[in-house]
């Protein structure tokens, strides 16, 4: 009688353990999803660096009485160019995540 009771309890415990493992594995598979991950864009840094470089270049190239206009024009053109160059450096990839 005691052996039967032990066998029944053991079978019950093993059954519950096996069923919980199966349910956990099924839940893990249902919660996996694909995400596109991109590194941060360097457009802001490119715009700032381009604007500074353009301002220096514009100030240097401008004529004797046009230093302010040359600096502002160089900063604008350099900022736009730097932004466009930095924007093209974006790299993306896909990875799988779990909830």
PDB file of N, CA and C in Angstrom:
ATOM      1  N   UNK A   1       0.813  -1.186   0.000  1.00  0.00           N
ATOM      2  CA  UNK A   1       0.000   0.000   0.000  1.00  0.00           C
ATOM      3  C   UNK A   1       0.867   1.264   0.000  1.00  0.00           C
ATOM      4  N   UNK A   2       1.906   1.246   0.816  1.00  0.00           N
ATOM      5  CA  UNK A   2       2.774   2.395   0.894  1.00  0.00           C
ATOM      6  C   UNK A   2       3.532   2.596  -0.409  1.00  0.00           C
ATOM      7  N   UNK A   3       3.942   1.559  -1.038  1.00  0.00           N
ATOM      8  CA  UNK A   3       4.657   1.639  -2.303  1.00  0.00           C
ATOM      9  C   UNK A   3       3.746   2.212  -3.381  1.00  0.00           C
ATOM     10  N   UNK A   4       2.473   1.818  -3.363  1.00  0.00           N
ATOM     11  CA  UNK A   4       1.515   2.357  -4.333  1.00  0.00           C
ATOM     12  C   UNK A   4       1.316   3.858  -4.129  1.00  0.00           C
ATOM     13  N   UNK A   5       1.222   4.278  -2.894  1.00  0.00           N
ATOM     14  CA  UNK A   5       1.039   5.689  -2.578  1.00  0.00           C
ATOM     15  C   UNK A   5       2.257   6.498  -3.026  1.00  0.00           C
ATOM     16  N   UNK A   6       3.456   5.978  -2.771  1.00  0.00           N
ATOM     17  CA  UNK A   6       4.668   6.657  -3.211  1.00  0.00           C
ATOM     18  C   UNK A   6       4.716   6.756  -4.731  1.00  0.00           C
ATOM     19  N   UNK A   7       4.351   5.673  -5.393  1.00  0.00           N
ATOM     20  CA  UNK A   7       4.357   5.680  -6.857  1.00  0.00           C
ATOM     21  C   UNK A   7       3.347   6.679  -7.396  1.00  0.00           C
ATOM     22  N   UNK A   8       2.178   6.762  -6.774  1.00  0.00           N
ATOM     23  CA  UNK A   8       1.144   7.707  -7.200  1.00  0.00           C
ATOM     24  C   UNK A   8       1.596   9.150  -6.996  1.00  0.00           C
ATOM     25  N   UNK A   9       2.202   9.447  -5.864  1.00  0.00           N
ATOM     26  CA  UNK A   9       2.694  10.798  -5.579  1.00  0.00           C
ATOM     27  C   UNK A   9       3.824  11.147  -6.549  1.00  0.00           C
ATOM     28  N   UNK A  10       4.735  10.218  -6.783  1.00  0.00           N
ATOM     29  CA  UNK A  10       5.833  10.458  -7.708  1.00  0.00           C
ATOM     30  C   UNK A  10       5.326  10.699  -9.115  1.00  0.00           C
ATOM     31  N   UNK A  11       4.358   9.925  -9.557  1.00  0.00           N
ATOM     32  CA  UNK A  11       3.787  10.107 -10.892  1.00  0.00           C
ATOM     33  C   UNK A  11       3.100  11.469 -11.007  1.00  0.00           C
ATOM     34  N   UNK A  12       2.421  11.870  -9.965  1.00  0.00           N
ATOM     35  CA  UNK A  12       1.741  13.169  -9.970  1.00  0.00           C
ATOM     36  C   UNK A  12       2.755  14.319 -10.043  1.00  0.00           C
ATOM     37  N   UNK A  13       3.802  14.246  -9.257  1.00  0.00           N
ATOM     38  CA  UNK A  13       4.827  15.292  -9.253  1.00  0.00           C
ATOM     39  C   UNK A  13       5.523  15.363 -10.610  1.00  0.00           C
ATOM     40  N   UNK A  14       5.893  14.223 -11.167  1.00  0.00           N
ATOM     41  CA  UNK A  14       6.548  14.204 -12.471  1.00  0.00           C
ATOM     42  C   UNK A  14       5.610  14.744 -13.545  1.00  0.00           C
ATOM     43  N   UNK A  15       4.340  14.403 -13.475  1.00  0.00           N
ATOM     44  CA  UNK A  15       3.359  14.905 -14.445  1.00  0.00           C
ATOM     45  C   UNK A  15       3.217  16.412 -14.395  1.00  0.00           C
ATOM     46  N   UNK A  16       3.133  16.963 -13.206  1.00  0.00           N
ATOM     47  CA  UNK A  16       3.033  18.422 -13.082  1.00  0.00           C
ATOM     48  C   UNK A  16       4.299  19.112 -13.573  1.00  0.00           C
ATOM     49  N   UNK A  17       5.453  18.553 -13.239  1.00  0.00           N
ATOM     50  CA  UNK A  17       6.717  19.149 -13.680  1.00  0.00           C
ATOM     51  C   UNK A  17       6.815  19.126 -15.202  1.00  0.00           C
ATOM     52  N   UNK A  18       6.471  18.018 -15.805  1.00  0.00           N
ATOM     53  CA  UNK A  18       6.543  17.913 -17.267  1.00  0.00           C
ATOM     54  C   UNK A  18       5.561  18.866 -17.941  1.00  0.00           C
ATOM     55  N   UNK A  19       4.366  18.993 -17.404  1.00  0.00           N
ATOM     56  CA  UNK A  19       3.383  19.880 -18.019  1.00  0.00           C
ATOM     57  C   UNK A  19       3.793  21.343 -17.886  1.00  0.00           C
ATOM     58  N   UNK A  20       4.419  21.723 -16.784  1.00  0.00           N
ATOM     59  CA  UNK A  20       4.854  23.113 -16.630  1.00  0.00           C
ATOM     60  C   UNK A  20       6.012  23.432 -17.561  1.00  0.00           C
ATOM     61  N   UNK A  21       6.891  22.480 -17.825  1.00  0.00           N
ATOM     62  CA  UNK A  21       7.996  22.704 -18.758  1.00  0.00           C
ATOM     63  C   UNK A  21       7.462  22.879 -20.168  1.00  0.00           C
ATOM     64  N   UNK A  22       6.488  22.085 -20.556  1.00  0.00           N
ATOM     65  CA  UNK A  22       5.903  22.183 -21.893  1.00  0.00           C
ATOM     66  C   UNK A  22       5.195  23.519 -22.063  1.00  0.00           C
ATOM     67  N   UNK A  23       4.457  23.952 -21.063  1.00  0.00           N
ATOM     68  CA  UNK A  23       3.752  25.233 -21.149  1.00  0.00           C
ATOM     69  C   UNK A  23       4.750  26.380 -21.202  1.00  0.00           C
ATOM     70  N   UNK A  24       5.817  26.322 -20.427  1.00  0.00           N
ATOM     71  CA  UNK A  24       6.817  27.378 -20.423  1.00  0.00           C
ATOM     72  C   UNK A  24       7.513  27.473 -21.777  1.00  0.00           C
ATOM     73  N   UNK A  25       7.846  26.367 -22.384  1.00  0.00           N
ATOM     74  CA  UNK A  25       8.478  26.380 -23.698  1.00  0.00           C
ATOM     75  C   UNK A  25       7.531  26.941 -24.754  1.00  0.00           C
ATOM     76  N   UNK A  26       6.268  26.613 -24.674  1.00  0.00           N
ATOM     77  CA  UNK A  26       5.291  27.143 -25.630  1.00  0.00           C
ATOM     78  C   UNK A  26       5.120  28.640 -25.460  1.00  0.00           C
ATOM     79  N   UNK A  27       5.116  29.120 -24.229  1.00  0.00           N
ATOM     80  CA  UNK A  27       4.997  30.558 -23.992  1.00  0.00           C
ATOM     81  C   UNK A  27       6.210  31.307 -24.522  1.00  0.00           C
ATOM     82  N   UNK A  28       7.400  30.745 -24.346  1.00  0.00           N
ATOM     83  CA  UNK A  28       8.615  31.409 -24.816  1.00  0.00           C
ATOM     84  C   UNK A  28       8.615  31.532 -26.326  1.00  0.00           C
ATOM     85  N   UNK A  29       8.129  30.540 -27.032  1.00  0.00           N
ATOM     86  CA  UNK A  29       8.090  30.616 -28.481  1.00  0.00           C
ATOM     87  C   UNK A  29       7.055  31.616 -28.955  1.00  0.00           C
ATOM     88  N   UNK A  30       5.993  31.777 -28.241  1.00  0.00           N
ATOM     89  CA  UNK A  30       4.950  32.709 -28.649  1.00  0.00           C
ATOM     90  C   UNK A  30       5.315  34.160 -28.418  1.00  0.00           C
ATOM     91  N   UNK A  31       6.294  34.427 -27.599  1.00  0.00           N
ATOM     92  CA  UNK A  31       6.638  35.801 -27.249  1.00  0.00           C
ATOM     93  C   UNK A  31       7.904  36.293 -27.924  1.00  0.00           C
ATOM     94  N   UNK A  32       8.395  35.582 -28.905  1.00  0.00           N
ATOM     95  CA  UNK A  32       9.596  35.998 -29.630  1.00  0.00           C
ATOM     96  C   UNK A  32       9.175  36.877 -30.802  1.00  0.00           C
ATOM     97  N   UNK A  33       9.821  38.014 -30.964  1.00  0.00           N
ATOM     98  CA  UNK A  33       9.483  38.895 -32.068  1.00  0.00           C
ATOM     99  C   UNK A  33      10.745  39.545 -32.632  1.00  0.00           C
ATOM    100  N   UNK A  34      10.664  39.941 -33.883  1.00  0.00           N
ATOM    101  CA  UNK A  34      11.803  40.500 -34.610  1.00  0.00           C
ATOM    102  C   UNK A  34      11.753  42.020 -34.546  1.00  0.00           C
ATOM    103  N   UNK A  35      12.893  42.640 -34.266  1.00  0.00           N
ATOM    104  CA  UNK A  35      12.973  44.086 -34.105  1.00  0.00           C
ATOM    105  C   UNK A  35      14.117  44.623 -34.957  1.00  0.00           C
ATOM    106  N   UNK A  36      13.881  45.744 -35.621  1.00  0.00           N
ATOM    107  CA  UNK A  36      14.951  46.412 -36.350  1.00  0.00           C
ATOM    108  C   UNK A  36      15.663  47.360 -35.390  1.00  0.00           C
ATOM    109  N   UNK A  37      16.956  47.180 -35.263  1.00  0.00           N
ATOM    110  CA  UNK A  37      17.756  47.989 -34.347  1.00  0.00           C
ATOM    111  C   UNK A  37      18.737  48.815 -35.175  1.00  0.00           C
ATOM    112  N   UNK A  38      18.737  50.110 -34.956  1.00  0.00           N
ATOM    113  CA  UNK A  38      19.629  51.008 -35.687  1.00  0.00           C
ATOM    114  C   UNK A  38      20.489  51.770 -34.689  1.00  0.00           C
ATOM    115  N   UNK A  39      21.745  51.987 -35.062  1.00  0.00           N
ATOM    116  CA  UNK A  39      22.582  52.815 -34.208  1.00  0.00           C
ATOM    117  C   UNK A  39      22.145  54.272 -34.371  1.00  0.00           C
ATOM    118  N   UNK A  40      22.528  55.075 -33.438  1.00  0.00           N
ATOM    119  CA  UNK A  40      22.102  56.468 -33.473  1.00  0.00           C
ATOM    120  C   UNK A  40      22.694  57.189 -34.681  1.00  0.00           C
ATOM    121  N   UNK A  41      21.905  58.066 -35.240  1.00  0.00           N
ATOM    122  CA  UNK A  41      22.351  58.833 -36.393  1.00  0.00           C
ATOM    123  C   UNK A  41      23.396  59.849 -35.963  1.00  0.00           C
ATOM    124  N   UNK A  42      24.364  60.049 -36.795  1.00  0.00           N
ATOM    125  CA  UNK A  42      25.427  61.022 -36.524  1.00  0.00           C
ATOM    126  C   UNK A  42      25.136  62.362 -37.193  1.00  0.00           C
ATOM    127  N   UNK A  43      23.875  62.590 -37.580  1.00  0.00           N
ATOM    128  CA  UNK A  43      23.517  63.795 -38.317  1.00  0.00           C
ATOM    129  C   UNK A  43      23.734  65.063 -37.491  1.00  0.00           C
ATOM    130  N   UNK A  44      23.406  65.021 -36.196  1.00  0.00           N
ATOM    131  CA  UNK A  44      23.589  66.219 -35.366  1.00  0.00           C
ATOM    132  C   UNK A  44      25.061  66.568 -35.227  1.00  0.00           C
ATOM    133  N   UNK A  45      25.871  65.551 -34.956  1.00  0.00           N
ATOM    134  CA  UNK A  45      27.309  65.805 -34.834  1.00  0.00           C
ATOM    135  C   UNK A  45      27.879  66.315 -36.156  1.00  0.00           C
ATOM    136  N   UNK A  46      27.437  65.724 -37.259  1.00  0.00           N
ATOM    137  CA  UNK A  46      27.915  66.158 -38.571  1.00  0.00           C
ATOM    138  C   UNK A  46      27.528  67.589 -38.865  1.00  0.00           C
ATOM    139  N   UNK A  47      26.319  67.986 -38.452  1.00  0.00           N
ATOM    140  CA  UNK A  47      25.878  69.358 -38.696  1.00  0.00           C
ATOM    141  C   UNK A  47      26.712  70.363 -37.900  1.00  0.00           C
ATOM    142  N   UNK A  48      26.992  70.030 -36.662  1.00  0.00           N
ATOM    143  CA  UNK A  48      27.781  70.949 -35.826  1.00  0.00           C
ATOM    144  C   UNK A  48      29.213  71.060 -36.348  1.00  0.00           C
ATOM    145  N   UNK A  49      29.816  69.917 -36.640  1.00  0.00           N
ATOM    146  CA  UNK A  49      31.198  69.947 -37.140  1.00  0.00           C
ATOM    147  C   UNK A  49      31.266  70.636 -38.504  1.00  0.00           C
ATOM    148  N   UNK A  50      30.284  70.344 -39.369  1.00  0.00           N
ATOM    149  CA  UNK A  50      30.256  70.986 -40.684  1.00  0.00           C
ATOM    150  C   UNK A  50      30.059  72.490 -40.585  1.00  0.00           C
ATOM    151  N   UNK A  51      29.208  72.921 -39.662  1.00  0.00           N
ATOM    152  CA  UNK A  51      28.978  74.358 -39.498  1.00  0.00           C
ATOM    153  C   UNK A  51      30.234  75.068 -38.999  1.00  0.00           C
ATOM    154  N   UNK A  52      30.920  74.461 -38.057  1.00  0.00           N
ATOM    155  CA  UNK A  52      32.159  75.078 -37.557  1.00  0.00           C
ATOM    156  C   UNK A  52      33.229  75.134 -38.641  1.00  0.00           C
ATOM    157  N   UNK A  53      33.391  74.027 -39.349  1.00  0.00           N
ATOM    158  CA  UNK A  53      34.383  74.005 -40.425  1.00  0.00           C
ATOM    159  C   UNK A  53      34.027  74.968 -41.542  1.00  0.00           C
ATOM    160  N   UNK A  54      32.737  75.019 -41.895  1.00  0.00           N
ATOM    161  CA  UNK A  54      32.296  75.940 -42.939  1.00  0.00           C
ATOM    162  C   UNK A  54      32.464  77.391 -42.540  1.00  0.00           C
ATOM    163  N   UNK A  55      32.217  77.693 -41.274  1.00  0.00           N
ATOM    164  CA  UNK A  55      32.386  79.070 -40.800  1.00  0.00           C
ATOM    165  C   UNK A  55      33.858  79.487 -40.879  1.00  0.00           C
ATOM    166  N   UNK A  56      34.738  78.614 -40.473  1.00  0.00           N
ATOM    167  CA  UNK A  56      36.170  78.937 -40.560  1.00  0.00           C
ATOM    168  C   UNK A  56      36.618  79.100 -42.009  1.00  0.00           C
ATOM    169  N   UNK A  57      36.165  78.191 -42.863  1.00  0.00           N
ATOM    170  CA  UNK A  57      36.541  78.264 -44.268  1.00  0.00           C
ATOM    171  C   UNK A  57      35.938  79.505 -44.933  1.00  0.00           C
ATOM    172  N   UNK A  58      34.669  79.796 -44.623  1.00  0.00           N
ATOM    173  CA  UNK A  58      34.018  80.973 -45.193  1.00  0.00           C
ATOM    174  C   UNK A  58      34.675  82.270 -44.762  1.00  0.00           C
ATOM    175  N   UNK A  59      35.098  82.317 -43.514  1.00  0.00           N
ATOM    176  CA  UNK A  59      35.783  83.514 -43.015  1.00  0.00           C
ATOM    177  C   UNK A  59      37.134  83.681 -43.707  1.00  0.00           C
ATOM    178  N   UNK A  60      37.813  82.591 -43.951  1.00  0.00           N
ATOM    179  CA  UNK A  60      39.129  82.653 -44.591  1.00  0.00           C
ATOM    180  C   UNK A  60      39.029  83.061 -46.051  1.00  0.00           C
ATOM    181  N   UNK A  61      38.052  82.507 -46.763  1.00  0.00           N
ATOM    182  CA  UNK A  61      37.929  82.745 -48.198  1.00  0.00           C
ATOM    183  C   UNK A  61      37.301  84.101 -48.513  1.00  0.00           C
ATOM    184  N   UNK A  62      36.463  84.623 -47.625  1.00  0.00           N
ATOM    185  CA  UNK A  62      35.731  85.867 -47.905  1.00  0.00           C
ATOM    186  C   UNK A  62      36.695  87.036 -48.115  1.00  0.00           C
ATOM    187  N   UNK A  63      36.192  88.002 -48.898  1.00  0.00           N
ATOM    188  CA  UNK A  63      36.987  89.206 -49.173  1.00  0.00           C
ATOM    189  C   UNK A  63      37.178  90.051 -47.926  1.00  0.00           C
ATOM    190  N   UNK A  64      37.911  91.137 -48.081  1.00  0.00           N
ATOM    191  CA  UNK A  64      38.306  91.985 -46.952  1.00  0.00           C
ATOM    192  C   UNK A  64      37.109  92.537 -46.165  1.00  0.00           C
ATOM    193  N   UNK A  65      36.097  93.024 -46.800  1.00  0.00           N
ATOM    194  CA  UNK A  65      34.976  93.634 -46.079  1.00  0.00           C
ATOM    195  C   UNK A  65      33.793  92.691 -45.873  1.00  0.00           C
ATOM    196  N   UNK A  66      33.909  91.451 -46.290  1.00  0.00           N
ATOM    197  CA  UNK A  66      32.769  90.534 -46.247  1.00  0.00           C
ATOM    198  C   UNK A  66      32.999  89.345 -45.319  1.00  0.00           C
ATOM    199  N   UNK A  67      33.735  89.522 -44.252  1.00  0.00           N
ATOM    200  CA  UNK A  67      34.068  88.402 -43.360  1.00  0.00           C
ATOM    201  C   UNK A  67      32.831  87.840 -42.657  1.00  0.00           C
ATOM    202  N   UNK A  68      31.930  88.706 -42.206  1.00  0.00           N
ATOM    203  CA  UNK A  68      30.731  88.238 -41.504  1.00  0.00           C
ATOM    204  C   UNK A  68      29.826  87.442 -42.430  1.00  0.00           C
ATOM    205  N   UNK A  69      29.604  87.964 -43.635  1.00  0.00           N
ATOM    206  CA  UNK A  69      28.753  87.256 -44.589  1.00  0.00           C
ATOM    207  C   UNK A  69      29.376  85.923 -44.999  1.00  0.00           C
ATOM    208  N   UNK A  70      30.669  85.912 -45.202  1.00  0.00           N
ATOM    209  CA  UNK A  70      31.363  84.676 -45.559  1.00  0.00           C
ATOM    210  C   UNK A  70      31.284  83.634 -44.454  1.00  0.00           C
ATOM    211  N   UNK A  71      31.402  84.101 -43.212  1.00  0.00           N
ATOM    212  CA  UNK A  71      31.312  83.188 -42.066  1.00  0.00           C
ATOM    213  C   UNK A  71      29.921  82.588 -41.963  1.00  0.00           C
ATOM    214  N   UNK A  72      28.886  83.422 -42.080  1.00  0.00           N
ATOM    215  CA  UNK A  72      27.505  82.929 -41.980  1.00  0.00           C
ATOM    216  C   UNK A  72      27.149  82.002 -43.138  1.00  0.00           C
ATOM    217  N   UNK A  73      27.540  82.375 -44.340  1.00  0.00           N
ATOM    218  CA  UNK A  73      27.255  81.535 -45.499  1.00  0.00           C
ATOM    219  C   UNK A  73      28.009  80.201 -45.392  1.00  0.00           C
ATOM    220  N   UNK A  74      29.262  80.239 -44.983  1.00  0.00           N
ATOM    221  CA  UNK A  74      30.040  79.005 -44.808  1.00  0.00           C
ATOM    222  C   UNK A  74      29.465  78.108 -43.729  1.00  0.00           C
ATOM    223  N   UNK A  75      28.985  78.715 -42.641  1.00  0.00           N
ATOM    224  CA  UNK A  75      28.380  77.926 -41.560  1.00  0.00           C
ATOM    225  C   UNK A  75      27.100  77.250 -42.038  1.00  0.00           C
ATOM    226  N   UNK A  76      26.301  77.959 -42.796  1.00  0.00           N
ATOM    227  CA  UNK A  76      25.051  77.368 -43.307  1.00  0.00           C
ATOM    228  C   UNK A  76      25.307  76.225 -44.267  1.00  0.00           C
ATOM    229  N   UNK A  77      26.180  76.444 -45.227  1.00  0.00           N
ATOM    230  CA  UNK A  77      26.485  75.397 -46.213  1.00  0.00           C
ATOM    231  C   UNK A  77      27.182  74.215 -45.535  1.00  0.00           C
ATOM    232  N   UNK A  78      28.113  74.497 -44.647  1.00  0.00           N
ATOM    233  CA  UNK A  78      28.809  73.419 -43.932  1.00  0.00           C
ATOM    234  C   UNK A  78      27.887  72.619 -43.032  1.00  0.00           C
ATOM    235  N   UNK A  79      26.949  73.309 -42.389  1.00  0.00           N
ATOM    236  CA  UNK A  79      25.990  72.609 -41.519  1.00  0.00           C
ATOM    237  C   UNK A  79      25.094  71.662 -42.303  1.00  0.00           C
ATOM    238  N   UNK A  80      24.602  72.128 -43.442  1.00  0.00           N
ATOM    239  CA  UNK A  80      23.737  71.274 -44.274  1.00  0.00           C
ATOM    240  C   UNK A  80      24.537  70.094 -44.828  1.00  0.00           C
ATOM    241  N   UNK A  81      25.729  70.355 -45.309  1.00  0.00           N
ATOM    242  CA  UNK A  81      26.565  69.283 -45.855  1.00  0.00           C
ATOM    243  C   UNK A  81      26.927  68.263 -44.775  1.00  0.00           C
ATOM    244  N   UNK A  82      27.299  68.738 -43.602  1.00  0.00           N
ATOM    245  CA  UNK A  82      27.639  67.828 -42.503  1.00  0.00           C
ATOM    246  C   UNK A  82      26.458  66.995 -42.055  1.00  0.00           C
ATOM    247  N   UNK A  83      25.279  67.590 -42.045  1.00  0.00           N
ATOM    248  CA  UNK A  83      24.070  66.852 -41.676  1.00  0.00           C
ATOM    249  C   UNK A  83      23.794  65.736 -42.674  1.00  0.00           C
ATOM    250  N   UNK A  84      23.894  66.030 -43.946  1.00  0.00           N
ATOM    251  CA  UNK A  84      23.635  65.021 -44.971  1.00  0.00           C
ATOM    252  C   UNK A  84      24.671  63.899 -44.930  1.00  0.00           C
ATOM    253  N   UNK A  85      25.914  64.230 -44.694  1.00  0.00           N
ATOM    254  CA  UNK A  85      26.957  63.207 -44.616  1.00  0.00           C
ATOM    255  C   UNK A  85      26.746  62.340 -43.374  1.00  0.00           C
ATOM    256  N   UNK A  86      26.441  62.954 -42.249  1.00  0.00           N
ATOM    257  CA  UNK A  86      26.214  62.203 -41.018  1.00  0.00           C
ATOM    258  C   UNK A  86      24.976  61.337 -41.070  1.00  0.00           C
ATOM    259  N   UNK A  87      23.967  61.766 -41.800  1.00  0.00           N
ATOM    260  CA  UNK A  87      22.721  61.007 -41.905  1.00  0.00           C
ATOM    261  C   UNK A  87      22.932  59.701 -42.664  1.00  0.00           C
ATOM    262  N   UNK A  88      23.876  59.666 -43.568  1.00  0.00           N
ATOM    263  CA  UNK A  88      24.130  58.474 -44.359  1.00  0.00           C
ATOM    264  C   UNK A  88      24.894  57.392 -43.613  1.00  0.00           C
ATOM    265  N   UNK A  89      25.356  57.640 -42.421  1.00  0.00           N
ATOM    266  CA  UNK A  89      26.160  56.694 -41.656  1.00  0.00           C
ATOM    267  C   UNK A  89      25.320  55.762 -40.784  1.00  0.00           C
ATOM    268  N   UNK A  90      24.023  55.715 -40.979  1.00  0.00           N
ATOM    269  CA  UNK A  90      23.128  54.918 -40.147  1.00  0.00           C
ATOM    270  C   UNK A  90      23.194  53.453 -40.561  1.00  0.00           C
ATOM    271  N   UNK A  91      23.436  52.565 -39.597  1.00  0.00           N
ATOM    272  CA  UNK A  91      23.506  51.136 -39.864  1.00  0.00           C
ATOM    273  C   UNK A  91      22.426  50.429 -39.051  1.00  0.00           C
ATOM    274  N   UNK A  92      21.669  49.565 -39.712  1.00  0.00           N
ATOM    275  CA  UNK A  92      20.581  48.850 -39.062  1.00  0.00           C
ATOM    276  C   UNK A  92      20.763  47.350 -39.227  1.00  0.00           C
ATOM    277  N   UNK A  93      20.216  46.607 -38.284  1.00  0.00           N
ATOM    278  CA  UNK A  93      20.182  45.156 -38.376  1.00  0.00           C
ATOM    279  C   UNK A  93      18.965  44.663 -37.620  1.00  0.00           C
ATOM    280  N   UNK A  94      18.602  43.413 -37.858  1.00  0.00           N
ATOM    281  CA  UNK A  94      17.459  42.815 -37.196  1.00  0.00           C
ATOM    282  C   UNK A  94      17.953  41.870 -36.104  1.00  0.00           C
ATOM    283  N   UNK A  95      17.224  41.846 -34.997  1.00  0.00           N
ATOM    284  CA  UNK A  95      17.510  40.882 -33.947  1.00  0.00           C
ATOM    285  C   UNK A  95      16.211  40.416 -33.330  1.00  0.00           C
ATOM    286  N   UNK A  96      16.265  39.283 -32.689  1.00  0.00           N
ATOM    287  CA  UNK A  96      15.080  38.705 -32.060  1.00  0.00           C
ATOM    288  C   UNK A  96      15.104  39.000 -30.574  1.00  0.00           C
ATOM    289  N   UNK A  97      13.946  39.374 -30.056  1.00  0.00           N
ATOM    290  CA  UNK A  97      13.811  39.681 -28.630  1.00  0.00           C
ATOM    291  C   UNK A  97      12.669  38.873 -28.048  1.00  0.00           C
ATOM    292  N   UNK A  98      12.701  38.734 -26.749  1.00  0.00           N
ATOM    293  CA  UNK A  98      11.672  37.986 -26.033  1.00  0.00           C
ATOM    294  C   UNK A  98      11.031  38.877 -24.998  1.00  0.00           C
ATOM    295  N   UNK A  99       9.768  38.656 -24.773  1.00  0.00           N
ATOM    296  CA  UNK A  99       9.058  39.442 -23.753  1.00  0.00           C
ATOM    297  C   UNK A  99       9.065  38.733 -22.445  1.00  0.00           C
TER     298      UNK A  99
END
